[in-house]
Amino acid sequence: MKLAWKNIQGRPGRSAALMIISCLISITIFTGTMIARSIECGTDSLKARLGADLIVIPAGSDDDVEALLVKGNPGYFYMDADNLDTVRSIEHVKGASPQLFLTTANTGCCAMPVQLIGFDPDSDFTVQPWISASYSDELADGDVLIGNNLTPEDDRSIRFYGIDCNVAGRLASSGTDFDNAVYTNMDTLRSLMLASEELGFNYLIDENAPDELISSIFIRVDDPANIPEVKKELSVKLNDVKVIRTSGMLTSTMENMSHLNGLIRLLIVFVWVLAFVILAAAHIMLINERKKEFAIFRIAGASRQKVIGIILDEAVLIGLIGGALGILFGALTVFPFSGAYESLLGLPYLSPSPLTAGLIAAAGIIGTVISGLVAAVMVLPSVLVTDAGELIREGE
């Protein structure tokens, strides 16, 4: 291995060319796999964030549903809070929890335009599992939890409709637009609704009091087989509502994710094959140029196995260095720009855990080294000639 390293240092131009090709293979494997895995993690996070089998929303709000509930875009709609009691009375409903939405104004009354989401801590089963990853205390009235992407001027307080709310914590990244939302309990949100009305921002319907309104009901059914039955009964017993099956809401997102991941995998294979062909061609040309050098090794007493070992050691070292550089450059293009990827792709995007990222990086380096070894092995027959004299003649 020491001799192989000296050979690499002695021919910096040749070695740099091979390392660049190896770097390209490593970057392709790492960045492509990281992006594909981040999309999968983001979609899994979105599924967990919804966390319900069915969602009840007001009729006539169809156009806003996916944008708000799936993509986290700002919006609001309201229905009668009494619907919650009806939902809970239906057989096979294991859990039902309301949420209340309010969009802040982009004026002096609010620190920033965001989506406010109120939830009921006593019955919630969708928001709190996510919140518990970064906040374990109970939310008091006036407390809010801000999404990971939000950066208010004051870390301890944020103003909405003239009311200063206490920033109790920052939520872990979900890889969705919900990272731009603010969460609080129902009482706090209703106080903000009243404040918005007093300031002339009339978000209320038919002048109902805030405690008579909810925006949606998230429903968990005791058995997936009973979901169609519960959905049908909800449609019969509730008026002016729409019952949505969450699996259907995610259909387009899942399809887009599948198509994009397929394209990414195809691109990885294409670039890897192209780089491998170039790598193999480079090895063939370089080995032909070095036949006289190998002949001198043989005359000096080195066996054919020793010469082969030098070639393979060089391939391993170049693959390791090029692979490591590829991972470094790939990391610099993947991690700092996760928000840009999410906006560009229009899909949930959440970087995988450090362990998963480390395994992907290791796979990129190993794949690069193996590619270099295979390319080197392909040219070995031209070195395995009968004697050093023939190597000398071929090298001239």
Protein backbone atom coordinates (compact mmCIF):
# COMPACT_ATOMS: atom_id res chain seq x y z
CA MET A 1 0.00 0.00 0.00
CA LYS A 2 2.93 2.36 0.73
CA LEU A 3 4.37 1.84 -2.75
CA ALA A 4 0.95 2.41 -4.29
CA TRP A 5 0.65 5.72 -2.42
CA LYS A 6 4.07 6.83 -3.69
CA ASN A 7 2.98 5.98 -7.24
CA ILE A 8 -0.15 8.14 -6.78
CA GLN A 9 1.94 11.05 -5.46
CA GLY A 10 4.47 10.64 -8.26
CA ARG A 11 1.80 11.10 -10.94
CA PRO A 12 -0.50 13.84 -9.59
CA GLY A 13 -2.15 14.62 -12.93
CA ARG A 14 -3.11 11.02 -13.65
CA SER A 15 -4.20 10.43 -10.06
CA ALA A 16 -6.28 13.63 -9.98
CA ALA A 17 -8.11 12.60 -13.15
CA LEU A 18 -9.05 9.21 -11.67
CA MET A 19 -10.07 10.83 -8.37
CA ILE A 20 -12.36 13.27 -10.19
CA ILE A 21 -14.15 10.38 -11.90
CA SER A 22 -14.37 8.52 -8.58
CA CYS A 23 -15.67 11.70 -6.95
CA LEU A 24 -18.42 11.92 -9.57
CA ILE A 25 -19.54 8.37 -8.79
CA SER A 26 -19.58 9.09 -5.05
CA ILE A 27 -21.48 12.38 -5.41
CA THR A 28 -24.10 10.72 -7.59
CA ILE A 29 -24.68 7.84 -5.21
CA PHE A 30 -24.75 10.03 -2.10
CA THR A 31 -26.80 13.01 -3.31
CA GLY A 32 -29.27 10.90 -5.27
CA THR A 33 -29.87 8.50 -2.41
CA MET A 34 -30.06 11.31 0.16
CA ILE A 35 -32.65 13.24 -1.84
CA ALA A 36 -34.75 10.11 -2.45
CA ARG A 37 -34.54 9.11 1.21
CA SER A 38 -35.35 12.67 2.37
CA ILE A 39 -38.52 12.65 0.28
CA GLU A 40 -39.51 9.31 1.79
CA CYS A 41 -38.82 10.63 5.32
CA GLY A 42 -40.84 13.76 4.60
CA THR A 43 -43.77 11.73 3.32
CA ASP A 44 -43.61 9.44 6.37
CA SER A 45 -43.57 12.56 8.56
CA LEU A 46 -46.63 13.89 6.77
CA LYS A 47 -48.47 10.59 7.31
CA ALA A 48 -47.64 10.72 11.01
CA ARG A 49 -48.62 14.38 11.15
CA LEU A 50 -52.07 13.61 9.76
CA GLY A 51 -52.27 10.58 12.03
CA ALA A 52 -55.97 9.99 11.40
CA ASP A 53 -58.11 7.65 9.33
CA LEU A 54 -60.78 10.25 8.52
CA ILE A 55 -61.03 14.03 8.65
CA VAL A 56 -64.29 15.98 8.82
CA ILE A 57 -64.26 19.49 7.34
CA PRO A 58 -66.96 21.98 6.34
CA ALA A 59 -68.63 21.48 2.99
CA GLY A 60 -67.52 23.94 0.36
CA SER A 61 -63.92 24.05 1.56
CA ASP A 62 -62.73 21.33 -0.83
CA ASP A 63 -60.26 23.55 -2.68
CA ASP A 64 -58.46 24.51 0.54
CA VAL A 65 -58.27 21.10 2.16
CA GLU A 66 -55.19 19.54 0.59
CA ALA A 67 -53.36 22.87 0.55
CA LEU A 68 -53.97 23.35 4.29
CA LEU A 69 -54.07 19.85 5.74
CA VAL A 70 -51.40 18.25 3.55
CA LYS A 71 -49.19 21.10 2.39
CA GLY A 72 -49.67 23.38 5.41
CA ASN A 73 -50.58 26.42 3.30
CA PRO A 74 -52.28 29.23 5.27
CA GLY A 75 -56.07 29.04 5.28
CA TYR A 76 -59.16 28.77 7.44
CA PHE A 77 -62.71 27.37 7.42
CA TYR A 78 -65.21 26.72 10.17
CA MET A 79 -68.15 24.52 11.14
CA ASP A 80 -70.38 23.92 14.14
CA ALA A 81 -68.49 22.59 17.18
CA ASP A 82 -71.49 20.38 18.04
CA ASN A 83 -70.41 18.08 15.20
CA LEU A 84 -67.69 16.76 17.51
CA ASP A 85 -70.26 15.20 19.88
CA THR A 86 -72.01 13.53 16.96
CA VAL A 87 -68.74 12.08 15.70
CA ARG A 88 -67.83 10.67 19.09
CA SER A 89 -71.23 8.98 19.38
CA ILE A 90 -70.71 6.88 16.25
CA GLU A 91 -69.78 3.24 16.68
CA HIS A 92 -66.18 2.22 15.85
CA VAL A 93 -64.85 5.77 16.38
CA LYS A 94 -61.86 5.19 18.64
CA GLY A 95 -60.83 8.82 18.94
CA ALA A 96 -61.94 12.20 17.67
CA SER A 97 -60.10 15.47 18.17
CA PRO A 98 -60.91 18.97 16.87
CA GLN A 99 -58.58 21.56 15.41
CA LEU A 100 -59.14 25.25 14.81
CA PHE A 101 -57.41 27.33 12.13
CA LEU A 102 -56.64 31.01 11.93
CA THR A 103 -54.47 32.88 9.46
CA THR A 104 -52.58 35.90 10.71
CA ALA A 105 -52.55 39.18 8.83
CA ASN A 106 -49.48 40.70 7.24
CA THR A 107 -49.89 43.98 9.11
CA GLY A 108 -48.64 45.69 12.26
CA CYS A 109 -51.05 43.61 14.39
CA CYS A 110 -49.01 40.45 13.84
CA ALA A 111 -45.33 39.60 13.99
CA MET A 112 -45.50 37.64 10.74
CA PRO A 113 -48.09 36.06 8.42
CA VAL A 114 -48.39 32.42 9.47
CA GLN A 115 -50.92 29.64 9.92
CA LEU A 116 -52.17 29.33 13.50
CA ILE A 117 -53.42 25.87 14.50
CA GLY A 118 -55.30 25.25 17.72
CA PHE A 119 -55.62 21.71 19.07
CA ASP A 120 -57.22 20.07 22.08
CA PRO A 121 -54.47 18.53 24.29
CA ASP A 122 -57.00 16.28 26.07
CA SER A 123 -58.10 14.45 22.92
CA ASP A 124 -55.35 15.13 20.38
CA PHE A 125 -53.49 12.19 18.86
CA THR A 126 -51.90 13.84 15.79
CA VAL A 127 -50.07 16.97 16.96
CA GLN A 128 -48.80 15.93 20.40
CA PRO A 129 -46.77 12.88 19.26
CA TRP A 130 -44.82 15.26 17.03
CA ILE A 131 -44.62 17.98 19.69
CA SER A 132 -43.35 15.54 22.33
CA ALA A 133 -40.11 15.15 20.39
CA SER A 134 -39.10 18.69 21.36
CA TYR A 135 -41.53 19.85 24.06
CA SER A 136 -42.75 17.81 27.02
CA ASP A 137 -44.59 20.37 29.18
CA GLU A 138 -48.27 21.23 29.04
CA LEU A 139 -49.19 24.28 26.99
CA ALA A 140 -50.65 26.98 29.20
CA ASP A 141 -53.07 29.60 27.93
CA GLY A 142 -51.11 32.17 25.96
CA ASP A 143 -48.32 29.72 25.12
CA VAL A 144 -47.45 28.88 21.51
CA LEU A 145 -45.07 26.47 19.83
CA ILE A 146 -43.46 27.75 16.65
CA GLY A 147 -42.51 25.72 13.61
CA ASN A 148 -38.88 24.93 12.95
CA ASN A 149 -38.59 27.38 10.05
CA LEU A 150 -39.91 30.41 11.95
CA THR A 151 -37.50 32.92 13.44
CA PRO A 152 -39.34 35.67 15.35
CA GLU A 153 -37.43 38.78 16.37
CA ASP A 154 -38.02 37.94 20.03
CA ASP A 155 -37.29 34.32 20.98
CA ARG A 156 -39.58 34.54 24.01
CA SER A 157 -42.61 36.38 22.68
CA ILE A 158 -44.54 36.73 19.44
CA ARG A 159 -47.48 39.05 18.70
CA PHE A 160 -50.69 38.11 16.92
CA TYR A 161 -53.62 40.52 16.58
CA GLY A 162 -52.23 42.73 19.31
CA ILE A 163 -51.77 39.87 21.81
CA ASP A 164 -48.28 38.92 22.97
CA CYS A 165 -47.97 35.12 23.14
CA ASN A 166 -45.27 33.29 25.04
CA VAL A 167 -43.02 31.21 22.79
CA ALA A 168 -42.86 28.00 24.81
CA GLY A 169 -40.67 26.13 22.36
CA ARG A 170 -39.62 25.36 18.81
CA LEU A 171 -40.85 22.18 17.13
CA ALA A 172 -38.61 19.63 15.47
CA SER A 173 -38.49 19.79 11.70
CA SER A 174 -41.23 17.83 9.94
CA GLY A 175 -40.03 18.41 6.38
CA THR A 176 -43.40 19.93 5.46
CA ASP A 177 -44.89 23.43 5.35
CA PHE A 178 -46.17 22.79 8.88
CA ASP A 179 -42.69 23.92 9.90
CA ASN A 180 -43.99 27.41 9.09
CA ALA A 181 -47.04 27.12 11.37
CA VAL A 182 -47.69 28.06 15.00
CA TYR A 183 -49.45 25.66 17.39
CA THR A 184 -51.38 26.46 20.54
CA ASN A 185 -54.33 25.17 22.58
CA MET A 186 -57.92 25.87 21.60
CA ASP A 187 -58.53 28.51 24.29
CA THR A 188 -55.57 30.59 23.17
CA LEU A 189 -56.58 30.39 19.54
CA ARG A 190 -60.15 31.42 20.35
CA SER A 191 -58.77 34.43 22.22
CA LEU A 192 -56.83 35.34 19.10
CA MET A 193 -59.98 34.96 16.99
CA LEU A 194 -61.80 37.43 19.23
CA ALA A 195 -58.87 39.81 19.03
CA SER A 196 -58.84 39.56 15.24
CA GLU A 197 -62.55 40.45 15.15
CA GLU A 198 -62.02 43.44 17.42
CA LEU A 199 -59.31 44.71 15.06
CA GLY A 200 -61.62 44.37 12.07
CA PHE A 201 -60.34 41.06 10.71
CA ASN A 202 -63.65 39.19 10.64
CA TYR A 203 -62.80 35.48 10.33
CA LEU A 204 -65.98 34.32 12.06
CA ILE A 205 -68.96 32.78 10.28
CA ASP A 206 -72.50 34.07 10.88
CA GLU A 207 -71.12 35.99 13.87
CA ASN A 208 -70.82 32.81 15.93
CA ALA A 209 -68.76 32.93 19.08
CA PRO A 210 -65.33 31.27 18.72
CA ASP A 211 -66.23 28.54 21.22
CA GLU A 212 -69.05 27.44 18.92
CA LEU A 213 -66.69 26.81 16.00
CA ILE A 214 -64.09 24.28 14.96
CA SER A 215 -62.29 23.82 11.66
CA SER A 216 -61.82 20.08 11.41
CA ILE A 217 -62.21 16.82 13.29
CA PHE A 218 -59.49 14.20 13.10
CA ILE A 219 -60.90 10.70 13.56
CA ARG A 220 -59.25 7.42 14.42
CA VAL A 221 -61.25 4.24 13.73
CA ASP A 222 -60.86 1.10 15.84
CA ASP A 223 -60.24 -1.14 12.82
CA PRO A 224 -59.24 -0.18 9.25
CA ALA A 225 -61.95 -2.51 7.98
CA ASN A 226 -64.57 -0.27 9.63
CA ILE A 227 -63.39 2.96 7.99
CA PRO A 228 -65.86 2.82 5.05
CA GLU A 229 -68.76 2.14 7.42
CA VAL A 230 -67.82 5.02 9.73
CA LYS A 231 -67.34 7.36 6.78
CA LYS A 232 -70.79 6.49 5.43
CA GLU A 233 -72.45 7.02 8.81
CA LEU A 234 -70.70 10.36 9.28
CA SER A 235 -71.98 11.53 5.91
CA VAL A 236 -75.54 10.62 6.95
CA LYS A 237 -75.51 12.10 10.46
CA LEU A 238 -73.62 15.33 9.78
CA ASN A 239 -74.92 18.19 7.67
CA ASP A 240 -72.88 20.55 5.50
CA VAL A 241 -69.64 18.66 5.98
CA LYS A 242 -67.27 16.62 3.90
CA VAL A 243 -65.66 13.43 5.21
CA ILE A 244 -62.22 12.74 3.79
CA ARG A 245 -60.18 9.57 4.00
CA THR A 246 -56.59 10.63 4.65
CA SER A 247 -55.13 7.84 2.51
CA GLY A 248 -56.89 9.40 -0.47
CA MET A 249 -55.49 12.84 0.32
CA LEU A 250 -51.97 11.47 0.09
CA THR A 251 -52.50 9.66 -3.21
CA SER A 252 -51.14 12.44 -5.43
CA THR A 253 -48.25 13.08 -3.03
CA MET A 254 -47.32 9.39 -3.00
CA GLU A 255 -47.56 9.18 -6.79
CA ASN A 256 -45.32 12.22 -7.25
CA MET A 257 -42.85 10.80 -4.74
CA SER A 258 -42.78 7.45 -6.55
CA HIS A 259 -42.21 9.05 -9.96
CA LEU A 260 -39.48 11.35 -8.68
CA ASN A 261 -37.68 8.57 -6.80
CA GLY A 262 -37.81 6.46 -9.97
CA LEU A 263 -36.20 9.27 -11.97
CA ILE A 264 -33.54 9.76 -9.29
CA ARG A 265 -32.66 6.06 -9.29
CA LEU A 266 -32.52 6.06 -13.09
CA LEU A 267 -30.20 9.08 -13.00
CA ILE A 268 -27.96 7.38 -10.43
CA VAL A 269 -27.65 4.29 -12.63
CA PHE A 270 -27.03 6.36 -15.78
CA VAL A 271 -24.31 8.54 -14.22
CA TRP A 272 -22.72 5.57 -12.46
CA VAL A 273 -22.54 3.54 -15.70
CA LEU A 274 -21.16 6.52 -17.63
CA ALA A 275 -18.55 7.26 -14.96
CA PHE A 276 -17.62 3.57 -14.72
CA VAL A 277 -17.06 3.33 -18.47
CA ILE A 278 -14.85 6.43 -18.36
CA LEU A 279 -13.03 5.02 -15.32
CA ALA A 280 -12.41 1.69 -17.05
CA ALA A 281 -11.20 3.43 -20.23
CA ALA A 282 -8.85 5.60 -18.18
CA HIS A 283 -7.42 2.54 -16.42
CA ILE A 284 -6.85 0.79 -19.75
CA MET A 285 -4.98 3.77 -21.20
CA LEU A 286 -2.93 4.28 -18.05
CA ILE A 287 -2.01 0.61 -17.71
CA ASN A 288 -0.84 0.55 -21.33
CA GLU A 289 1.35 3.57 -20.61
CA ARG A 290 2.81 1.89 -17.53
CA LYS A 291 3.75 -1.50 -18.99
CA LYS A 292 7.43 -0.61 -19.02
CA GLU A 293 7.17 0.40 -15.37
CA PHE A 294 5.63 -2.97 -14.53
CA ALA A 295 8.38 -4.72 -16.46
CA ILE A 296 11.01 -3.01 -14.32
CA PHE A 297 9.18 -4.22 -11.22
CA ARG A 298 9.27 -7.77 -12.58
CA ILE A 299 12.96 -7.58 -13.47
CA ALA A 300 13.67 -6.25 -9.98
CA GLY A 301 12.17 -9.43 -8.59
CA ALA A 302 8.53 -8.54 -8.05
CA SER A 303 6.08 -11.33 -8.80
CA ARG A 304 3.03 -10.93 -11.00
CA GLN A 305 0.92 -11.04 -7.82
CA LYS A 306 2.95 -8.15 -6.40
CA VAL A 307 2.38 -6.05 -9.54
CA ILE A 308 -1.32 -6.87 -9.45
CA GLY A 309 -1.40 -5.92 -5.77
CA ILE A 310 0.13 -2.51 -6.55
CA ILE A 311 -2.51 -1.85 -9.24
CA LEU A 312 -5.37 -2.87 -6.95
CA ASP A 313 -3.94 -0.90 -4.00
CA GLU A 314 -3.80 2.21 -6.18
CA ALA A 315 -7.41 1.66 -7.24
CA VAL A 316 -8.50 1.33 -3.60
CA LEU A 317 -6.64 4.46 -2.49
CA ILE A 318 -7.95 6.53 -5.40
CA GLY A 319 -11.46 5.23 -4.76
CA LEU A 320 -11.26 6.06 -1.05
CA ILE A 321 -9.94 9.59 -1.62
CA GLY A 322 -12.28 10.33 -4.53
CA GLY A 323 -15.21 8.77 -2.67
CA ALA A 324 -14.56 10.78 0.48
CA LEU A 325 -14.28 14.02 -1.51
CA GLY A 326 -17.53 13.17 -3.29
CA ILE A 327 -19.30 12.68 0.03
CA LEU A 328 -17.96 16.03 1.27
CA PHE A 329 -19.10 17.91 -1.83
CA GLY A 330 -22.40 16.03 -1.82
CA ALA A 331 -23.05 16.96 1.80
CA LEU A 332 -22.39 20.62 0.98
CA THR A 333 -25.06 20.49 -1.74
CA VAL A 334 -27.65 18.47 0.20
CA PHE A 335 -27.78 19.60 3.83
CA PRO A 336 -27.65 23.43 3.59
CA PHE A 337 -30.36 23.59 0.92
CA SER A 338 -33.07 21.25 2.25
CA GLY A 339 -35.63 24.08 2.25
CA ALA A 340 -34.80 24.90 -1.37
CA TYR A 341 -35.23 21.24 -2.37
CA GLU A 342 -38.62 21.12 -0.64
CA SER A 343 -39.79 24.23 -2.52
CA LEU A 344 -38.34 23.08 -5.83
CA LEU A 345 -39.75 19.55 -5.67
CA GLY A 346 -43.09 20.52 -4.13
CA LEU A 347 -42.93 17.44 -1.88
CA PRO A 348 -42.34 16.89 1.85
CA TYR A 349 -38.60 16.85 2.44
CA LEU A 350 -36.98 15.78 5.70
CA SER A 351 -33.32 14.84 6.01
CA PRO A 352 -32.83 11.32 7.41
CA SER A 353 -31.20 10.65 10.77
CA PRO A 354 -27.41 11.10 11.13
CA LEU A 355 -27.07 7.30 11.32
CA THR A 356 -28.92 6.82 8.02
CA ALA A 357 -26.94 9.64 6.40
CA GLY A 358 -23.73 8.01 7.62
CA LEU A 359 -24.74 4.65 6.16
CA ILE A 360 -25.56 6.31 2.82
CA ALA A 361 -22.16 8.05 2.87
CA ALA A 362 -20.43 4.74 3.62
CA ALA A 363 -22.34 3.10 0.77
CA GLY A 364 -21.20 5.89 -1.55
CA ILE A 365 -17.55 5.38 -0.66
CA ILE A 366 -17.77 1.59 -0.83
CA GLY A 367 -19.55 1.77 -4.19
CA THR A 368 -16.85 4.08 -5.50
CA VAL A 369 -14.03 1.81 -4.31
CA ILE A 370 -15.70 -1.27 -5.81
CA SER A 371 -16.18 0.57 -9.13
CA GLY A 372 -12.49 1.43 -9.20
CA LEU A 373 -11.47 -2.14 -8.32
CA VAL A 374 -13.68 -3.64 -11.01
CA ALA A 375 -12.29 -1.20 -13.59
CA ALA A 376 -8.73 -2.10 -12.54
CA VAL A 377 -9.44 -5.83 -12.63
CA MET A 378 -10.69 -5.47 -16.22
CA VAL A 379 -7.22 -4.37 -17.38
CA LEU A 380 -5.20 -6.96 -15.42
CA PRO A 381 -5.09 -9.52 -18.29
CA SER A 382 -2.90 -7.08 -20.24
CA VAL A 383 -0.38 -7.17 -17.38
CA LEU A 384 -0.43 -10.95 -16.87
CA VAL A 385 1.95 -11.75 -19.72
CA THR A 386 4.44 -14.56 -19.73
CA ASP A 387 7.64 -12.65 -18.99
CA ALA A 388 9.12 -9.27 -18.24
CA GLY A 389 10.73 -9.11 -21.68
CA GLU A 390 7.38 -9.05 -23.36
CA LEU A 391 6.24 -6.31 -20.98
CA ILE A 392 9.34 -4.30 -21.94
CA ARG A 393 8.64 -4.72 -25.68
CA GLU A 394 4.95 -3.78 -25.24
CA GLY A 395 5.91 -0.77 -23.16
CA GLU A 396 8.23 0.63 -25.80
